[in-house]
Amino acid sequence: MSRENFSELLSFLAVAQERSFTKAAARRGVTPSAISHTMRLLEERLGVTLLTRTTRRVVPTPAGDYLLQNIQPLFDEIENRMASLDEFRKCPRGNLRITVTDESLGFFLRPRIADFLKNYPEISLEISTDLRLIDIVDEGFDAGVRLGELVTQGMISVPVSPDIQFAVVGSPTYFKNHVIPKIPARLQEHNCIGVRLPTHGKIYPWRFRQKGKELKLQPVGQFICNNVFGARDACLDGIGLAYIPKIVVEEHIQNGELISVLDAFCPTHLGFHLFYPRHHRHSMPLSLFVEEMKVK
């Protein structure tokens, strides 16, 4: 049914309820002659007479009364549904599924999630930690959080952290038996802890900046894990060196448990971004979540 048909039906309801073209016209914001013309067009299209017209009043015919009784509840239901949106504005509700990485959750999102859930008690939040670069639409997620450089093109992307400084770290125990490297090339002499990326199964390369150029090295060593926390723990245990977001090891550097090396060569990467498909931009729970999580 076209929009014009809906307009005709709404005009019919106004006339049938008001029993007057003049009052119905005022209710619809049109002239009496316009609403009278609309009724004639509707009757012609349907092939039945809906209204009995006299000089004093307008009364629905049996066909008109049948139409009134059957479509009025439908329009009432539409109005009720529209009015219920006010409840979303007053107390937003819904479910959110977000895929994140362990470090983005632990260091940036977690401190804000408790406030978000407290502020919006009717919103349910499911967080799934994963390092894979997944298709959030195919896997049923509303949004994801990954390093900015890994966000798929075409997504709406909002930063939820500052840019991320990477560091190469090792424990004092490890450096008792190994010389601290002064340039990235010396890493070939060290036991480098690898992090295997689950998306394509490769070891995450170590990236450096040297003389204005990007240098990429593939770590070689005895130990491989599948997340930065495993790499950090292996470092703390003296197994070898790790290339890791500095925020993950900052506390351990400060208390002397780990030593940061090659600082002058370690780059800064785009921070974590919350991303989601463009067609989700009007989802109220998601909009509120984005607002709560984004960098202020």
Protein backbone atom coordinates (compact mmCIF):
# COMPACT_ATOMS: atom_id res chain seq x y z
CA MET A 1 0.00 0.00 0.00
CA SER A 2 1.33 3.42 -0.96
CA ARG A 3 1.82 6.32 1.43
CA GLU A 4 -1.06 8.09 -0.32
CA ASN A 5 -3.36 5.17 0.60
CA PHE A 6 -2.38 5.49 4.25
CA SER A 7 -3.12 9.19 4.12
CA GLU A 8 -6.54 8.48 2.64
CA LEU A 9 -7.32 5.96 5.38
CA LEU A 10 -6.23 8.36 8.12
CA SER A 11 -8.47 11.02 6.61
CA PHE A 12 -11.34 8.52 6.49
CA LEU A 13 -10.84 7.66 10.17
CA ALA A 14 -10.92 11.34 11.08
CA VAL A 15 -14.19 11.92 9.18
CA ALA A 16 -15.83 8.73 10.49
CA GLN A 17 -14.96 9.59 14.08
CA GLU A 18 -15.71 13.33 13.94
CA ARG A 19 -18.85 12.94 11.78
CA SER A 20 -17.82 16.18 10.12
CA PHE A 21 -15.61 17.22 7.21
CA THR A 22 -14.85 20.51 8.93
CA LYS A 23 -13.70 18.93 12.21
CA ALA A 24 -11.84 16.15 10.38
CA ALA A 25 -10.07 18.73 8.21
CA ALA A 26 -8.97 20.67 11.30
CA ARG A 27 -7.67 17.46 12.86
CA ARG A 28 -5.72 16.58 9.71
CA GLY A 29 -4.50 20.11 9.06
CA VAL A 30 -6.13 20.45 5.63
CA THR A 31 -9.15 22.27 4.19
CA PRO A 32 -12.68 20.73 4.28
CA SER A 33 -12.78 20.69 0.48
CA ALA A 34 -9.46 18.80 0.36
CA ILE A 35 -10.61 16.12 2.75
CA SER A 36 -13.95 15.81 0.90
CA HIS A 37 -12.01 15.31 -2.35
CA THR A 38 -9.81 12.68 -0.67
CA MET A 39 -12.90 10.73 0.46
CA ARG A 40 -14.32 10.72 -3.07
CA LEU A 41 -11.03 9.36 -4.43
CA LEU A 42 -10.95 6.64 -1.76
CA GLU A 43 -14.49 5.56 -2.48
CA GLU A 44 -13.80 5.47 -6.21
CA ARG A 45 -10.69 3.39 -5.72
CA LEU A 46 -12.41 0.91 -3.40
CA GLY A 47 -15.62 0.83 -5.43
CA VAL A 48 -17.89 1.24 -2.40
CA THR A 49 -19.60 4.15 -0.63
CA LEU A 50 -18.05 4.68 2.79
CA LEU A 51 -19.87 7.82 3.95
CA THR A 52 -23.45 9.04 3.85
CA ARG A 53 -23.38 12.81 3.44
CA THR A 54 -26.16 15.17 4.53
CA THR A 55 -26.23 18.91 4.96
CA ARG A 56 -25.82 18.50 8.72
CA ARG A 57 -23.57 15.50 9.25
CA VAL A 58 -21.50 12.71 7.76
CA VAL A 59 -22.23 9.13 8.80
CA PRO A 60 -20.36 5.93 7.87
CA THR A 61 -22.26 3.47 5.68
CA PRO A 62 -22.21 -0.22 6.68
CA ALA A 63 -19.13 -0.62 4.48
CA GLY A 64 -17.62 2.48 6.09
CA ASP A 65 -18.41 1.19 9.58
CA TYR A 66 -16.81 -2.16 8.70
CA LEU A 67 -13.65 -0.40 7.53
CA LEU A 68 -13.61 1.81 10.61
CA GLN A 69 -13.89 -1.12 13.02
CA ASN A 70 -11.18 -3.13 11.28
CA ILE A 71 -8.49 -0.54 10.56
CA GLN A 72 -8.83 1.64 13.66
CA PRO A 73 -7.25 -1.02 15.94
CA LEU A 74 -4.35 -1.36 13.51
CA PHE A 75 -3.57 2.35 13.55
CA ASP A 76 -4.04 2.40 17.33
CA GLU A 77 -1.44 -0.36 17.57
CA ILE A 78 0.98 1.63 15.39
CA GLU A 79 0.51 4.67 17.63
CA ASN A 80 1.09 2.55 20.73
CA ARG A 81 4.28 1.12 19.23
CA MET A 82 5.52 4.58 18.35
CA ALA A 83 4.69 5.83 21.83
CA SER A 84 6.63 2.92 23.34
CA LEU A 85 9.79 4.41 21.85
CA ASP A 86 9.57 6.99 24.61
CA GLU A 87 10.39 4.18 27.03
CA PHE A 88 13.63 3.56 25.13
CA ARG A 89 14.50 7.22 25.52
CA LYS A 90 13.63 7.19 29.22
CA CYS A 91 15.17 3.78 29.96
CA PRO A 92 17.05 2.36 26.94
CA ARG A 93 16.89 -1.40 26.64
CA GLY A 94 18.28 -4.11 24.41
CA ASN A 95 21.13 -6.59 24.01
CA LEU A 96 24.68 -5.93 22.83
CA ARG A 97 27.34 -8.43 21.74
CA ILE A 98 30.85 -7.02 21.46
CA THR A 99 34.05 -8.83 20.43
CA VAL A 100 37.21 -7.40 22.00
CA THR A 101 40.84 -8.29 22.66
CA ASP A 102 42.07 -9.16 26.14
CA GLU A 103 44.25 -6.08 26.47
CA SER A 104 41.63 -3.63 25.18
CA LEU A 105 39.17 -5.04 27.72
CA GLY A 106 41.58 -5.15 30.63
CA PHE A 107 43.16 -1.75 30.23
CA PHE A 108 40.56 0.45 28.55
CA LEU A 109 37.03 -0.95 28.45
CA ARG A 110 36.70 -2.68 31.79
CA PRO A 111 36.89 0.52 33.90
CA ARG A 112 34.00 1.99 31.88
CA ILE A 113 31.74 -1.06 31.56
CA ALA A 114 30.59 -1.07 35.19
CA ASP A 115 29.40 2.54 34.88
CA PHE A 116 27.68 1.77 31.58
CA LEU A 117 25.71 -1.13 33.05
CA LYS A 118 24.83 0.90 36.13
CA ASN A 119 23.58 3.81 34.02
CA TYR A 120 21.52 1.58 31.71
CA PRO A 121 20.10 -1.31 33.76
CA GLU A 122 17.82 -2.50 30.92
CA ILE A 123 20.73 -3.08 28.53
CA SER A 124 22.40 -6.51 28.58
CA LEU A 125 26.02 -6.70 27.46
CA GLU A 126 27.89 -9.79 26.24
CA ILE A 127 31.66 -9.45 25.83
CA SER A 128 33.67 -12.04 23.88
CA THR A 129 37.47 -11.85 24.00
CA ASP A 130 39.15 -12.94 20.78
CA LEU A 131 42.27 -12.01 18.85
CA ARG A 132 40.86 -13.16 15.51
CA LEU A 133 39.95 -10.64 12.84
CA ILE A 134 36.37 -11.81 12.48
CA ASP A 135 33.43 -10.69 10.38
CA ILE A 136 31.29 -9.21 13.14
CA VAL A 137 28.13 -9.31 11.02
CA ASP A 138 28.51 -13.00 10.08
CA GLU A 139 29.23 -13.95 13.69
CA GLY A 140 26.36 -11.97 15.17
CA PHE A 141 28.24 -9.18 16.93
CA ASP A 142 27.03 -5.60 17.13
CA ALA A 143 30.55 -4.19 17.27
CA GLY A 144 34.19 -5.10 17.75
CA VAL A 145 37.32 -3.59 19.30
CA ARG A 146 40.70 -4.02 17.60
CA LEU A 147 43.83 -1.96 16.94
CA GLY A 148 42.92 0.84 14.54
CA GLU A 149 45.19 -0.46 11.77
CA LEU A 150 43.27 -3.76 11.75
CA VAL A 151 39.75 -2.33 11.40
CA THR A 152 38.03 -3.32 8.16
CA GLN A 153 37.49 -0.51 5.69
CA GLY A 154 33.91 0.72 5.42
CA MET A 155 33.19 0.35 9.12
CA ILE A 156 32.40 3.26 11.41
CA SER A 157 35.41 3.43 13.74
CA VAL A 158 35.71 5.27 17.06
CA PRO A 159 38.92 5.39 19.16
CA VAL A 160 38.54 3.93 22.66
CA SER A 161 42.18 4.33 23.70
CA PRO A 162 45.17 6.58 23.04
CA ASP A 163 47.71 5.38 20.48
CA ILE A 164 49.61 2.30 21.63
CA GLN A 165 53.36 2.36 22.23
CA PHE A 166 55.06 -1.00 21.73
CA ALA A 167 58.11 -2.18 23.68
CA VAL A 168 60.67 -4.96 23.63
CA VAL A 169 61.08 -6.30 27.16
CA GLY A 170 63.01 -8.96 29.02
CA SER A 171 63.56 -9.88 32.65
CA PRO A 172 66.72 -9.11 34.68
CA THR A 173 67.18 -12.89 34.98
CA TYR A 174 67.25 -13.24 31.21
CA PHE A 175 69.71 -10.39 30.79
CA LYS A 176 72.14 -11.97 33.26
CA ASN A 177 73.01 -14.38 30.48
CA HIS A 178 72.30 -12.22 27.41
CA VAL A 179 73.66 -8.89 26.19
CA ILE A 180 71.09 -6.10 25.95
CA PRO A 181 70.49 -5.44 22.22
CA LYS A 182 71.33 -1.92 21.04
CA ILE A 183 69.82 -2.18 17.55
CA PRO A 184 66.96 -4.38 16.20
CA ALA A 185 69.34 -6.48 14.11
CA ARG A 186 70.90 -7.87 17.30
CA LEU A 187 67.57 -9.56 18.15
CA GLN A 188 68.67 -12.52 16.03
CA GLU A 189 70.99 -13.39 18.90
CA HIS A 190 68.09 -13.61 21.35
CA ASN A 191 65.30 -15.99 22.27
CA CYS A 192 62.29 -14.05 20.96
CA ILE A 193 58.83 -14.99 22.19
CA GLY A 194 56.29 -15.27 19.38
CA VAL A 195 52.57 -14.51 19.39
CA ARG A 196 50.66 -16.56 16.82
CA LEU A 197 47.76 -14.70 15.22
CA PRO A 198 44.67 -16.93 15.06
CA THR A 199 43.23 -15.37 11.90
CA HIS A 200 45.91 -16.59 9.48
CA GLY A 201 48.16 -18.62 11.79
CA LYS A 202 51.28 -16.52 11.31
CA ILE A 203 53.57 -15.15 14.02
CA TYR A 204 53.01 -11.45 14.65
CA PRO A 205 56.01 -9.58 13.17
CA TRP A 206 58.06 -7.15 15.24
CA ARG A 207 58.01 -3.69 13.68
CA PHE A 208 60.59 -0.97 14.27
CA ARG A 209 61.51 2.46 12.93
CA GLN A 210 65.17 2.84 11.98
CA LYS A 211 66.58 5.85 10.11
CA GLY A 212 63.06 6.91 9.12
CA LYS A 213 62.15 3.56 7.59
CA GLU A 214 59.98 0.73 8.83
CA LEU A 215 61.86 -2.44 9.69
CA LYS A 216 59.96 -5.69 10.08
CA LEU A 217 61.52 -8.71 11.80
CA GLN A 218 60.11 -12.19 12.26
CA PRO A 219 60.77 -13.35 15.84
CA VAL A 220 62.58 -16.66 16.30
CA GLY A 221 62.73 -18.48 19.61
CA GLN A 222 61.74 -21.47 21.73
CA PHE A 223 58.34 -20.24 22.90
CA ILE A 224 55.13 -19.24 21.07
CA CYS A 225 51.79 -18.32 22.61
CA ASN A 226 48.53 -16.89 21.31
CA ASN A 227 48.10 -13.64 23.26
CA VAL A 228 50.11 -10.79 24.75
CA PHE A 229 49.50 -11.88 28.32
CA GLY A 230 51.10 -15.24 27.65
CA ALA A 231 54.07 -13.43 26.11
CA ARG A 232 54.31 -11.12 29.13
CA ASP A 233 54.25 -14.05 31.56
CA ALA A 234 56.92 -15.88 29.58
CA CYS A 235 59.04 -12.75 29.79
CA LEU A 236 58.56 -12.54 33.54
CA ASP A 237 59.66 -16.19 33.76
CA GLY A 238 62.93 -15.31 32.00
CA ILE A 239 62.23 -17.32 28.84
CA GLY A 240 63.14 -14.56 26.41
CA LEU A 241 62.24 -11.18 24.94
CA ALA A 242 58.72 -10.09 23.95
CA TYR A 243 57.41 -7.40 21.62
CA ILE A 244 54.31 -6.18 23.38
CA PRO A 245 52.04 -3.16 23.96
CA LYS A 246 53.84 -1.15 26.61
CA ILE A 247 50.69 -0.68 28.66
CA VAL A 248 50.63 -4.44 29.29
CA VAL A 249 54.08 -4.37 30.90
CA GLU A 250 54.32 -0.79 32.24
CA GLU A 251 53.82 -1.83 35.85
CA HIS A 252 56.46 -4.55 35.57
CA ILE A 253 58.93 -2.11 34.02
CA GLN A 254 58.32 0.38 36.82
CA ASN A 255 58.91 -2.19 39.59
CA GLY A 256 62.01 -3.64 37.91
CA GLU A 257 60.56 -7.04 36.99
CA LEU A 258 61.10 -6.27 33.29
CA ILE A 259 63.58 -4.15 31.38
CA SER A 260 62.54 -2.23 28.26
CA VAL A 261 65.10 -2.16 25.43
CA LEU A 262 65.28 -0.66 21.93
CA ASP A 263 62.93 2.15 22.99
CA ALA A 264 64.26 4.51 20.33
CA PHE A 265 63.25 2.05 17.62
CA CYS A 266 59.82 0.99 18.90
CA PRO A 267 56.89 2.55 17.01
CA THR A 268 53.55 3.84 18.16
CA HIS A 269 50.53 2.12 16.62
CA LEU A 270 46.99 3.41 16.22
CA GLY A 271 45.12 2.77 19.45
CA PHE A 272 42.15 0.48 19.92
CA HIS A 273 39.04 1.40 17.95
CA LEU A 274 35.47 0.31 18.47
CA PHE A 275 34.00 -0.42 15.04
CA TYR A 276 30.59 -1.40 13.71
CA PRO A 277 28.65 -1.54 10.42
CA ARG A 278 27.11 1.68 9.17
CA HIS A 279 23.59 0.25 9.29
CA HIS A 280 23.91 -0.10 13.11
CA ARG A 281 24.57 3.58 13.68
CA HIS A 282 20.96 4.24 14.82
CA SER A 283 20.89 1.44 17.41
CA MET A 284 20.30 3.22 20.71
CA PRO A 285 22.08 0.69 22.99
CA LEU A 286 25.08 0.68 20.65
CA SER A 287 25.12 4.47 20.39
CA LEU A 288 25.13 4.74 24.17
CA PHE A 289 27.89 2.11 24.46
CA VAL A 290 30.04 3.96 21.92
CA GLU A 291 29.53 7.23 23.77
CA GLU A 292 30.54 5.61 27.07
CA MET A 293 33.61 3.81 25.67
CA LYS A 294 35.11 6.42 23.35
CA VAL A 295 38.14 8.50 24.28
CA LYS A 296 36.88 11.68 25.93
